[in-house]
C-alpha atoms as a PDB file:
ATOM      1  CA  MET A   1     -42.224-215.997  27.084  1.00  0.00           C
ATOM      2  CA  LYS A   2     -39.733-214.564  29.594  1.00  0.00           C
ATOM      3  CA  GLN A   3     -37.076-214.329  26.865  1.00  0.00           C
ATOM      4  CA  VAL A   4     -39.536-212.726  24.457  1.00  0.00           C
ATOM      5  CA  PHE A   5     -40.579-210.043  26.956  1.00  0.00           C
ATOM      6  CA  ALA A   6     -36.933-209.449  27.939  1.00  0.00           C
ATOM      7  CA  ILE A   7     -36.131-208.598  24.297  1.00  0.00           C
ATOM      8  CA  ALA A   8     -39.302-206.459  24.124  1.00  0.00           C
ATOM      9  CA  GLN A   9     -38.167-204.563  27.271  1.00  0.00           C
ATOM     10  CA  ILE A  10     -34.824-203.798  25.576  1.00  0.00           C
ATOM     11  CA  VAL A  11     -36.619-202.364  22.580  1.00  0.00           C
ATOM     12  CA  LEU A  12     -38.838-200.210  24.869  1.00  0.00           C
ATOM     13  CA  LYS A  13     -35.839-198.785  26.761  1.00  0.00           C
ATOM     14  CA  GLU A  14     -34.084-198.058  23.439  1.00  0.00           C
ATOM     15  CA  SER A  15     -37.197-196.236  22.145  1.00  0.00           C
ATOM     16  CA  PHE A  16     -37.193-193.957  25.203  1.00  0.00           C
ATOM     17  CA  ARG A  17     -33.472-193.204  24.801  1.00  0.00           C
ATOM     18  CA  ARG A  18     -33.849-192.196  21.121  1.00  0.00           C
ATOM     19  CA  LYS A  19     -35.442-188.927  19.802  1.00  0.00           C
ATOM     20  CA  ASP A  20     -38.630-190.606  18.624  1.00  0.00           C
ATOM     21  CA  PHE A  21     -40.551-189.406  21.662  1.00  0.00           C
ATOM     22  CA  TYR A  22     -39.305-185.845  21.148  1.00  0.00           C
ATOM     23  CA  VAL A  23     -40.989-185.992  17.762  1.00  0.00           C
ATOM     24  CA  LEU A  24     -44.064-187.417  19.481  1.00  0.00           C
ATOM     25  CA  PHE A  25     -44.094-184.456  21.924  1.00  0.00           C
ATOM     26  CA  ILE A  26     -43.892-181.922  19.075  1.00  0.00           C
ATOM     27  CA  LEU A  27     -46.664-183.660  17.169  1.00  0.00           C
ATOM     28  CA  THR A  28     -48.798-183.838  20.281  1.00  0.00           C
ATOM     29  CA  VAL A  29     -48.395-180.122  20.852  1.00  0.00           C
ATOM     30  CA  LEU A  30     -49.296-179.477  17.191  1.00  0.00           C
ATOM     31  CA  LEU A  31     -52.348-181.742  17.565  1.00  0.00           C
ATOM     32  CA  GLY A  32     -53.360-179.842  20.648  1.00  0.00           C
ATOM     33  CA  VAL A  33     -53.117-176.530  18.880  1.00  0.00           C
ATOM     34  CA  ILE A  34     -55.216-177.782  15.964  1.00  0.00           C
ATOM     35  CA  LEU A  35     -57.868-179.337  18.140  1.00  0.00           C
ATOM     36  CA  GLY A  36     -57.793-176.359  20.541  1.00  0.00           C
ATOM     37  CA  SER A  37     -59.190-174.268  17.691  1.00  0.00           C
ATOM     38  CA  LEU A  38     -62.384-176.307  17.898  1.00  0.00           C
ATOM     39  CA  ASN A  39     -63.507-173.906  20.646  1.00  0.00           C
ATOM     40  CA  PHE A  40     -62.783-171.000  18.353  1.00  0.00           C
ATOM     41  CA  PHE A  41     -64.668-172.211  15.335  1.00  0.00           C
ATOM     42  CA  ASN A  42     -68.273-173.153  16.014  1.00  0.00           C
ATOM     43  CA  GLU A  43     -69.208-173.907  12.405  1.00  0.00           C
ATOM     44  CA  GLN A  44     -69.807-177.630  12.193  1.00  0.00           C
ATOM     45  CA  GLY A  45     -68.131-178.106   8.854  1.00  0.00           C
ATOM     46  CA  ILE A  46     -64.857-176.517  10.024  1.00  0.00           C
ATOM     47  CA  VAL A  47     -64.908-178.575  13.221  1.00  0.00           C
ATOM     48  CA  ARG A  48     -65.211-181.792  11.243  1.00  0.00           C
ATOM     49  CA  TYR A  49     -62.473-180.663   8.881  1.00  0.00           C
ATOM     50  CA  LEU A  50     -60.118-180.024  11.835  1.00  0.00           C
ATOM     51  CA  LYS A  51     -60.921-183.417  13.371  1.00  0.00           C
ATOM     52  CA  GLU A  52     -60.320-185.157  10.057  1.00  0.00           C
ATOM     53  CA  PHE A  53     -56.968-183.413   9.605  1.00  0.00           C
ATOM     54  CA  SER A  54     -55.940-184.319  13.161  1.00  0.00           C
ATOM     55  CA  LEU A  55     -56.778-187.968  12.675  1.00  0.00           C
ATOM     56  CA  LEU A  56     -54.842-187.971   9.369  1.00  0.00           C
ATOM     57  CA  LEU A  57     -51.881-186.522  11.228  1.00  0.00           C
ATOM     58  CA  ILE A  58     -52.155-189.288  13.818  1.00  0.00           C
ATOM     59  CA  TRP A  59     -52.178-191.996  11.155  1.00  0.00           C
ATOM     60  CA  LEU A  60     -49.251-190.577   9.269  1.00  0.00           C
ATOM     61  CA  ALA A  61     -47.144-190.056  12.414  1.00  0.00           C
ATOM     62  CA  ALA A  62     -47.914-193.567  13.728  1.00  0.00           C
ATOM     63  CA  LEU A  63     -47.098-195.093  10.317  1.00  0.00           C
ATOM     64  CA  VAL A  64     -43.753-193.329  10.034  1.00  0.00           C
ATOM     65  CA  MET A  65     -42.810-194.088  13.604  1.00  0.00           C
ATOM     66  CA  SER A  66     -43.709-197.806  13.159  1.00  0.00           C
ATOM     67  CA  LEU A  67     -41.594-198.161  10.058  1.00  0.00           C
ATOM     68  CA  ALA A  68     -38.669-196.232  11.479  1.00  0.00           C
ATOM     69  CA  THR A  69     -38.701-198.162  14.742  1.00  0.00           C
ATOM     70  CA  SER A  70     -39.135-201.689  13.367  1.00  0.00           C
ATOM     71  CA  ALA A  71     -36.882-201.321  10.263  1.00  0.00           C
ATOM     72  CA  ARG A  72     -33.751-200.555  12.302  1.00  0.00           C
ATOM     73  CA  GLN A  73     -34.110-203.313  14.923  1.00  0.00           C
ATOM     74  CA  ILE A  74     -32.334-206.282  13.368  1.00  0.00           C
ATOM     75  CA  PRO A  75     -29.895-204.388  11.111  1.00  0.00           C
ATOM     76  CA  THR A  76     -28.725-202.317  14.075  1.00  0.00           C
ATOM     77  CA  GLU A  77     -28.235-205.439  16.175  1.00  0.00           C
ATOM     78  CA  LYS A  78     -26.118-206.952  13.354  1.00  0.00           C
ATOM     79  CA  GLU A  79     -24.113-203.830  12.827  1.00  0.00           C
ATOM     80  CA  SER A  80     -23.311-203.285  16.459  1.00  0.00           C
ATOM     81  CA  ARG A  81     -22.789-207.101  16.875  1.00  0.00           C
ATOM     82  CA  THR A  82     -25.031-207.162  19.992  1.00  0.00           C
ATOM     83  CA  ILE A  83     -27.027-209.855  18.305  1.00  0.00           C
ATOM     84  CA  PHE A  84     -24.334-212.480  19.061  1.00  0.00           C
ATOM     85  CA  PRO A  85     -24.433-212.273  22.904  1.00  0.00           C
ATOM     86  CA  LEU A  86     -28.212-212.211  22.763  1.00  0.00           C
ATOM     87  CA  LEU A  87     -28.413-215.375  20.679  1.00  0.00           C
ATOM     88  CA  ALA A  88     -25.615-216.967  22.736  1.00  0.00           C
ATOM     89  CA  LYS A  89     -27.965-216.871  25.712  1.00  0.00           C
ATOM     90  CA  PRO A  90     -30.797-219.409  25.882  1.00  0.00           C
ATOM     91  CA  ILE A  91     -32.755-217.346  23.356  1.00  0.00           C
ATOM     92  CA  SER A  92     -33.806-218.871  20.054  1.00  0.00           C
ATOM     93  CA  ARG A  93     -34.164-216.907  16.877  1.00  0.00           C
ATOM     94  CA  HIS A  94     -37.905-217.062  16.901  1.00  0.00           C
ATOM     95  CA  GLN A  95     -37.939-215.690  20.488  1.00  0.00           C
ATOM     96  CA  PHE A  96     -35.612-212.897  19.415  1.00  0.00           C
ATOM     97  CA  PHE A  97     -37.799-212.074  16.394  1.00  0.00           C
ATOM     98  CA  LEU A  98     -41.036-212.198  18.469  1.00  0.00           C
ATOM     99  CA  GLY A  99     -39.490-210.045  21.161  1.00  0.00           C
ATOM    100  CA  LYS A 100     -38.556-207.414  18.580  1.00  0.00           C
ATOM    101  CA  PHE A 101     -42.142-207.414  17.346  1.00  0.00           C
ATOM    102  CA  PHE A 102     -43.738-206.972  20.750  1.00  0.00           C
ATOM    103  CA  GLY A 103     -41.161-204.347  21.727  1.00  0.00           C
ATOM    104  CA  CYS A 104     -41.945-202.276  18.657  1.00  0.00           C
ATOM    105  CA  TRP A 105     -45.630-202.718  19.004  1.00  0.00           C
ATOM    106  CA  PHE A 106     -45.695-201.801  22.694  1.00  0.00           C
ATOM    107  CA  SER A 107     -43.624-198.666  22.156  1.00  0.00           C
ATOM    108  CA  ILE A 108     -45.871-197.480  19.260  1.00  0.00           C
ATOM    109  CA  SER A 109     -48.970-198.414  21.271  1.00  0.00           C
ATOM    110  CA  MET A 110     -47.862-196.059  24.041  1.00  0.00           C
ATOM    111  CA  ALA A 111     -47.202-193.248  21.570  1.00  0.00           C
ATOM    112  CA  LEU A 112     -50.527-193.856  19.883  1.00  0.00           C
ATOM    113  CA  PHE A 113     -52.339-193.830  23.212  1.00  0.00           C
ATOM    114  CA  VAL A 114     -50.957-190.306  23.896  1.00  0.00           C
ATOM    115  CA  PHE A 115     -52.197-189.154  20.463  1.00  0.00           C
ATOM    116  CA  TYR A 116     -55.682-190.525  20.966  1.00  0.00           C
ATOM    117  CA  LEU A 117     -55.888-189.316  24.564  1.00  0.00           C
ATOM    118  CA  VAL A 118     -55.111-185.752  23.472  1.00  0.00           C
ATOM    119  CA  PHE A 119     -57.613-186.096  20.654  1.00  0.00           C
ATOM    120  CA  LEU A 120     -60.241-187.417  22.959  1.00  0.00           C
ATOM    121  CA  LEU A 121     -59.815-184.868  25.682  1.00  0.00           C
ATOM    122  CA  LEU A 122     -59.928-181.958  23.287  1.00  0.00           C
ATOM    123  CA  THR A 123     -62.978-183.178  21.274  1.00  0.00           C
ATOM    124  CA  LEU A 124     -65.007-184.851  24.028  1.00  0.00           C
ATOM    125  CA  ARG A 125     -67.043-181.741  24.728  1.00  0.00           C
ATOM    126  CA  LYS A 126     -68.128-181.670  21.060  1.00  0.00           C
ATOM    127  CA  ASP A 127     -69.295-185.272  20.851  1.00  0.00           C
ATOM    128  CA  GLU A 128     -72.020-187.367  22.400  1.00  0.00           C
ATOM    129  CA  PRO A 129     -70.986-189.591  25.315  1.00  0.00           C
ATOM    130  CA  ALA A 130     -72.163-192.628  23.374  1.00  0.00           C
ATOM    131  CA  ASN A 131     -69.233-192.065  21.012  1.00  0.00           C
ATOM    132  CA  LEU A 132     -66.701-193.142  23.608  1.00  0.00           C
ATOM    133  CA  PRO A 133     -66.913-196.836  22.483  1.00  0.00           C
ATOM    134  CA  LEU A 134     -66.203-195.625  18.953  1.00  0.00           C
ATOM    135  CA  TYR A 135     -62.996-193.874  20.125  1.00  0.00           C
ATOM    136  CA  PHE A 136     -61.962-197.095  21.809  1.00  0.00           C
ATOM    137  CA  GLN A 137     -62.645-199.097  18.647  1.00  0.00           C
ATOM    138  CA  ALA A 138     -60.703-196.539  16.557  1.00  0.00           C
ATOM    139  CA  TYR A 139     -57.652-196.887  18.817  1.00  0.00           C
ATOM    140  CA  VAL A 140     -57.674-200.655  18.964  1.00  0.00           C
ATOM    141  CA  LEU A 141     -58.259-201.099  15.203  1.00  0.00           C
ATOM    142  CA  HIS A 142     -55.423-198.645  14.615  1.00  0.00           C
ATOM    143  CA  LEU A 143     -53.223-200.884  16.803  1.00  0.00           C
ATOM    144  CA  GLY A 144     -54.249-203.818  14.608  1.00  0.00           C
ATOM    145  CA  PHE A 145     -53.194-201.968  11.527  1.00  0.00           C
ATOM    146  CA  LEU A 146     -49.817-201.115  13.103  1.00  0.00           C
ATOM    147  CA  ALA A 147     -49.295-204.753  14.108  1.00  0.00           C
ATOM    148  CA  VAL A 148     -49.539-205.786  10.458  1.00  0.00           C
ATOM    149  CA  VAL A 149     -47.221-202.929   9.429  1.00  0.00           C
ATOM    150  CA  ILE A 150     -44.625-203.835  12.098  1.00  0.00           C
ATOM    151  CA  GLY A 151     -44.805-207.531  11.168  1.00  0.00           C
ATOM    152  CA  LEU A 152     -44.310-206.664   7.469  1.00  0.00           C
ATOM    153  CA  CYS A 153     -41.462-204.281   8.289  1.00  0.00           C
ATOM    154  CA  LEU A 154     -39.605-206.774  10.448  1.00  0.00           C
ATOM    155  CA  ALA A 155     -39.883-209.341   7.669  1.00  0.00           C
ATOM    156  CA  GLY A 156     -38.533-206.726   5.260  1.00  0.00           C
ATOM    157  CA  SER A 157     -35.616-205.951   7.621  1.00  0.00           C
ATOM    158  CA  VAL A 158     -34.192-209.483   7.071  1.00  0.00           C
ATOM    159  CA  ILE A 159     -34.736-209.357   3.292  1.00  0.00           C
ATOM    160  CA  PHE A 160     -33.611-205.808   2.294  1.00  0.00           C
ATOM    161  CA  ALA A 161     -30.065-204.716   2.858  1.00  0.00           C
ATOM    162  CA  ALA A 162     -30.587-201.401   4.562  1.00  0.00           C
ATOM    163  CA  PRO A 163     -33.321-199.880   6.793  1.00  0.00           C
ATOM    164  CA  SER A 164     -33.692-196.926   4.348  1.00  0.00           C
ATOM    165  CA  SER A 165     -34.481-199.226   1.442  1.00  0.00           C
ATOM    166  CA  ASN A 166     -36.851-201.253   3.618  1.00  0.00           C
ATOM    167  CA  ILE A 167     -38.738-198.161   4.795  1.00  0.00           C
ATOM    168  CA  THR A 168     -38.937-196.652   1.246  1.00  0.00           C
ATOM    169  CA  ILE A 169     -40.163-199.858  -0.392  1.00  0.00           C
ATOM    170  CA  LEU A 170     -42.739-200.667   2.334  1.00  0.00           C
ATOM    171  CA  LEU A 171     -43.995-197.080   2.431  1.00  0.00           C
ATOM    172  CA  VAL A 172     -44.723-197.278  -1.279  1.00  0.00           C
ATOM    173  CA  VAL A 173     -46.325-200.725  -0.840  1.00  0.00           C
ATOM    174  CA  ILE A 174     -48.518-199.647   2.079  1.00  0.00           C
ATOM    175  CA  LEU A 175     -49.653-196.438   0.427  1.00  0.00           C
ATOM    176  CA  GLY A 176     -50.356-198.421  -2.757  1.00  0.00           C
ATOM    177  CA  ILE A 177     -52.438-200.982  -0.867  1.00  0.00           C
ATOM    178  CA  THR A 178     -54.250-198.242   0.989  1.00  0.00           C
ATOM    179  CA  PHE A 179     -55.270-196.220  -2.067  1.00  0.00           C
ATOM    180  CA  LEU A 180     -55.461-198.852  -4.842  1.00  0.00           C
ATOM    181  CA  GLY A 181     -56.183-202.090  -2.950  1.00  0.00           C
ATOM    182  CA  PRO A 182     -59.920-201.514  -2.335  1.00  0.00           C
ATOM    183  CA  HIS A 183     -60.510-200.716  -6.010  1.00  0.00           C
ATOM    184  CA  LEU A 184     -58.643-203.747  -7.564  1.00  0.00           C
ATOM    185  CA  ALA A 185     -61.791-205.874  -7.845  1.00  0.00           C
ATOM    186  CA  LYS A 186     -63.638-203.105  -9.674  1.00  0.00           C
ATOM    187  CA  ILE A 187     -60.723-202.714 -12.062  1.00  0.00           C
ATOM    188  CA  ALA A 188     -60.386-206.459 -12.532  1.00  0.00           C
ATOM    189  CA  VAL A 189     -63.966-206.997 -13.794  1.00  0.00           C
ATOM    190  CA  LYS A 190     -63.217-204.614 -16.691  1.00  0.00           C
ATOM    191  CA  MET A 191     -60.127-206.470 -17.740  1.00  0.00           C
ATOM    192  CA  ALA A 192     -59.693-209.443 -19.992  1.00  0.00           C
ATOM    193  CA  GLU A 193     -58.011-212.728 -18.993  1.00  0.00           C
ATOM    194  CA  PRO A 194     -55.462-213.437 -17.646  1.00  0.00           C
ATOM    195  CA  THR A 195     -55.134-209.875 -16.261  1.00  0.00           C
ATOM    196  CA  GLN A 196     -58.494-210.184 -14.528  1.00  0.00           C
ATOM    197  CA  SER A 197     -57.522-213.315 -12.636  1.00  0.00           C
ATOM    198  CA  ILE A 198     -54.145-211.842 -11.645  1.00  0.00           C
ATOM    199  CA  LEU A 199     -55.739-208.663 -10.265  1.00  0.00           C
ATOM    200  CA  LEU A 200     -58.414-210.618  -8.398  1.00  0.00           C
ATOM    201  CA  ALA A 201     -55.729-212.894  -6.872  1.00  0.00           C
ATOM    202  CA  ILE A 202     -53.803-209.852  -5.744  1.00  0.00           C
ATOM    203  CA  TYR A 203     -56.991-208.293  -4.333  1.00  0.00           C
ATOM    204  CA  PHE A 204     -57.737-211.342  -2.154  1.00  0.00           C
ATOM    205  CA  VAL A 205     -54.103-211.892  -1.053  1.00  0.00           C
ATOM    206  CA  ILE A 206     -53.114-208.344   0.047  1.00  0.00           C
ATOM    207  CA  PRO A 207     -54.116-207.096   3.480  1.00  0.00           C
ATOM    208  CA  HIS A 208     -57.015-204.633   3.287  1.00  0.00           C
ATOM    209  CA  PHE A 209     -56.068-201.730   5.538  1.00  0.00           C
ATOM    210  CA  GLU A 210     -59.461-200.059   5.057  1.00  0.00           C
ATOM    211  CA  PHE A 211     -60.913-202.600   7.538  1.00  0.00           C
ATOM    212  CA  PHE A 212     -59.026-200.811  10.280  1.00  0.00           C
ATOM    213  CA  ASP A 213     -59.767-197.213   9.232  1.00  0.00           C
ATOM    214  CA  ILE A 214     -62.901-195.819  10.872  1.00  0.00           C
ATOM    215  CA  ARG A 215     -61.834-192.127  10.896  1.00  0.00           C
ATOM    216  CA  ASP A 216     -64.950-191.075   8.980  1.00  0.00           C
ATOM    217  CA  LEU A 217     -67.155-192.543  11.675  1.00  0.00           C
ATOM    218  CA  VAL A 218     -65.280-190.641  14.370  1.00  0.00           C
ATOM    219  CA  VAL A 219     -65.277-187.373  12.455  1.00  0.00           C
ATOM    220  CA  HIS A 220     -69.019-187.480  11.790  1.00  0.00           C
ATOM    221  CA  SER A 221     -69.903-188.872  15.250  1.00  0.00           C
ATOM    222  CA  HIS A 222     -71.545-192.103  14.097  1.00  0.00           C
ATOM    223  CA  PRO A 223     -72.441-194.925  16.494  1.00  0.00           C
ATOM    224  CA  ALA A 224     -69.851-197.567  17.321  1.00  0.00           C
ATOM    225  CA  VAL A 225     -69.068-200.342  14.836  1.00  0.00           C
ATOM    226  CA  PRO A 226     -70.940-203.621  15.586  1.00  0.00           C
ATOM    227  CA  TRP A 227     -68.788-205.593  17.981  1.00  0.00           C
ATOM    228  CA  TRP A 228     -68.856-208.737  15.801  1.00  0.00           C
ATOM    229  CA  ALA A 229     -67.310-206.800  12.930  1.00  0.00           C
ATOM    230  CA  PHE A 230     -64.797-205.204  15.327  1.00  0.00           C
ATOM    231  CA  GLY A 231     -63.790-208.674  16.490  1.00  0.00           C
ATOM    232  CA  CYS A 232     -63.452-209.991  12.965  1.00  0.00           C
ATOM    233  CA  ALA A 233     -61.226-207.100  12.030  1.00  0.00           C
ATOM    234  CA  LEU A 234     -58.898-207.836  15.015  1.00  0.00           C
ATOM    235  CA  ILE A 235     -58.710-211.542  14.033  1.00  0.00           C
ATOM    236  CA  TYR A 236     -57.872-210.396  10.504  1.00  0.00           C
ATOM    237  CA  ALA A 237     -55.014-208.183  11.799  1.00  0.00           C
ATOM    238  CA  MET A 238     -53.614-210.978  13.994  1.00  0.00           C
ATOM    239  CA  ALA A 239     -53.660-213.405  11.079  1.00  0.00           C
ATOM    240  CA  TYR A 240     -51.766-211.088   8.704  1.00  0.00           C
ATOM    241  CA  SER A 241     -49.259-209.950  11.374  1.00  0.00           C
ATOM    242  CA  ALA A 242     -48.611-213.593  12.286  1.00  0.00           C
ATOM    243  CA  PHE A 243     -48.203-214.482   8.570  1.00  0.00           C
ATOM    244  CA  PHE A 244     -45.586-211.747   8.054  1.00  0.00           C
ATOM    245  CA  LEU A 245     -43.772-212.730  11.247  1.00  0.00           C
ATOM    246  CA  VAL A 246     -43.574-216.361  10.167  1.00  0.00           C
ATOM    247  CA  ILE A 247     -42.210-215.333   6.749  1.00  0.00           C
ATOM    248  CA  GLY A 248     -39.575-213.128   8.390  1.00  0.00           C
ATOM    249  CA  TRP A 249     -38.667-215.724  10.905  1.00  0.00           C
ATOM    250  CA  LEU A 250     -38.201-218.390   8.182  1.00  0.00           C
ATOM    251  CA  VAL A 251     -35.817-216.120   6.342  1.00  0.00           C
ATOM    252  CA  PHE A 252     -34.016-215.062   9.497  1.00  0.00           C
ATOM    253  CA  ARG A 253     -33.461-218.630  10.828  1.00  0.00           C
ATOM    254  CA  HIS A 254     -31.597-219.625   7.632  1.00  0.00           C
ATOM    255  CA  GLN A 255     -29.410-216.493   7.525  1.00  0.00           C
ATOM    256  CA  THR A 256     -25.805-216.933   8.437  1.00  0.00           C
ATOM    257  CA  LEU A 257     -24.635-214.361  10.969  1.00  0.00           C
ATOM    258  CA  GLN A 258     -20.973-213.614  10.623  1.00  0.00           C
ATOM    259  CA  LYS A 259     -18.891-211.958  13.317  1.00  0.00           C
END
């Protein structure tokens, strides 16, 4: 694992050198301004609306940063030819691929922690103390969602030619799964064969991102999710992220790298 974490450390340092964290700072300030207005508006409906909008902003920012960070990793290494000295060292391709995954995930985790910390500090006075476990669950489940996204994006980076095409295609796929995926089973029962079987197969194969989204519970100050369900959702995220990483590695290991 030393080689894996060495690659991950390189990704972390690269993320700090790039302008991603400047974008993070601007979004954090914007989030603080939005949530700071909670003290100005005392009407409960407006407070919930502002919290819901802030969480939506966090989800969109984290998704875009995850896709942008992970999509450029392997293509950039190939273009700059830095991949050759890395693989010339005692580092296998699966260690290189896994190191890229952990590096992207760690960097996004740090950014997401800043988002949730600002959100928590500015809304804590409005919520019951018992909701603190729910904030923890929301953060960790969000990390599970991003692990699946990063695994999928890294797999796409060895399949699609350019990072821009990878980001565009995966953004459409992720948004399609988010908004249409939960309803495929309802649509399928109204269809005739073989369309019904095809839609049901797609429904059970695609990752269901709604398992990780508990924003409504946070907005309306509900109790924490049962811990057994929380654990099942994390196992679900690990299974899908591992599946996409294996697919990406299988493609990457058979690619010919030309100097």
